[in-house]
Amino acid sequence: MIGLQLRMGLLLGVLFGIIYAIVVMIGTYLGFHDFYFYLIISAGLMIVQYFIGPKIVEWTMQVRYVTKKDNPRLHEMVESLARKAGIPCPRVGISPTNLPNAFAFGRGIKDGRICVTSGIMALLDEQELRAVVGHEMSHLKNRDVLTITILSVIPMLMYRLAFQFLFFGNRRERGSNTVLIGIAAFVFYFITNLLVLYASRIREYFADRGSIALGNSPSSLASALYKLVYGAARIDKEDLRQVEGIKAFFASDPSRAWQEIRELKQLDRDRNGTIDQAELDLIRRKDIRLTTADKFMELMSTHPNMLKRIKQLSSYRLG
């Protein structure tokens, strides 16, 4: 856990160091006025995204909020985990899609919402579903939505600077300062975008650890993630495309399901469709080596490689 915190701290330092470098570069060559204009525009877009984001998620996933009377089992599960997490109970929603997954969203802890899909409720047992809901509860407790939203403004700002200086800069200055700054901003855009994706993957590890801290067993969460991969692989590609824009909110990345099946089939040694503690102990003692293609796929993803993620889960102990 300390290693994850250290990596997150270093990442934040690098990201804001890049912002400082850009400020100095723009200030040196063109003055601060133009930079602050784009900073304000990007911050404004971030604020709009922050406030209308929940509505976009609700609309895309057709979320229907349920009361305790509508679904007492799910409500009791969420309320119990919220008490353990020490945060206000979030609103509880169900999405009518067959894609098995769950997600948390909202503008903060007091505006938190946790939603499960019809597919995940039909696929997981009680303990597995509780482990996934605990993962989402940890996202709310850790304020991950706010964290990633704020970090996302950095590559957004780099992109707008690059676009402006490369295509709309003063023509008399083309070939010198303006073009060089545009190229530098584009390079920083690519780097910061990768760093934000890396931050998102770190937050997933934090949320997995948070679910265990809320009393869920590592094997229950590992088994749930394993089932989510296989469940997503059976979903029609058109249904997957419809949720492409919000997959970062999900407990697992459904678009990578087919690639992950090949890696995960080695974990379920008794072929019963779950991962028990004995199987989790086996992976803890085993070295994980990813192919170059798998490493590249992870580099461009909001979620960690599933095999690595379950390997990390194997190192946790309940309580």
Foldseek 3Di string as FASTA:
>chain_A
DVVLVVVLVVLVVVLVVVVVVLCVLCCVPPRNPVLVVLVVVLVVVLVVCLVCVVVVVCVLQVKDWDDCVRPVLVQVLQVLLCVLLVAPRETEIEGADLQFWKFWDANARVHIYIYTYPNNVVQADSLLVSLRSQLRSQCRSVVVNVVLSVLVSSLVSLQVLLCCLCPPNDPVCPPHSSNVSSVVSVVSSVVSLLSSLVSLASSLLSSSVRSLQSQRALQSNLFSVLRSLVSLVPDDVVSLVSCVVPLSRINDRSVCSVVLCVVCVVQPVVPPSGHDLVSLLVLLPDDDDDDPVQVVVQSNHSHHRSSVSSNSSSPDGRD
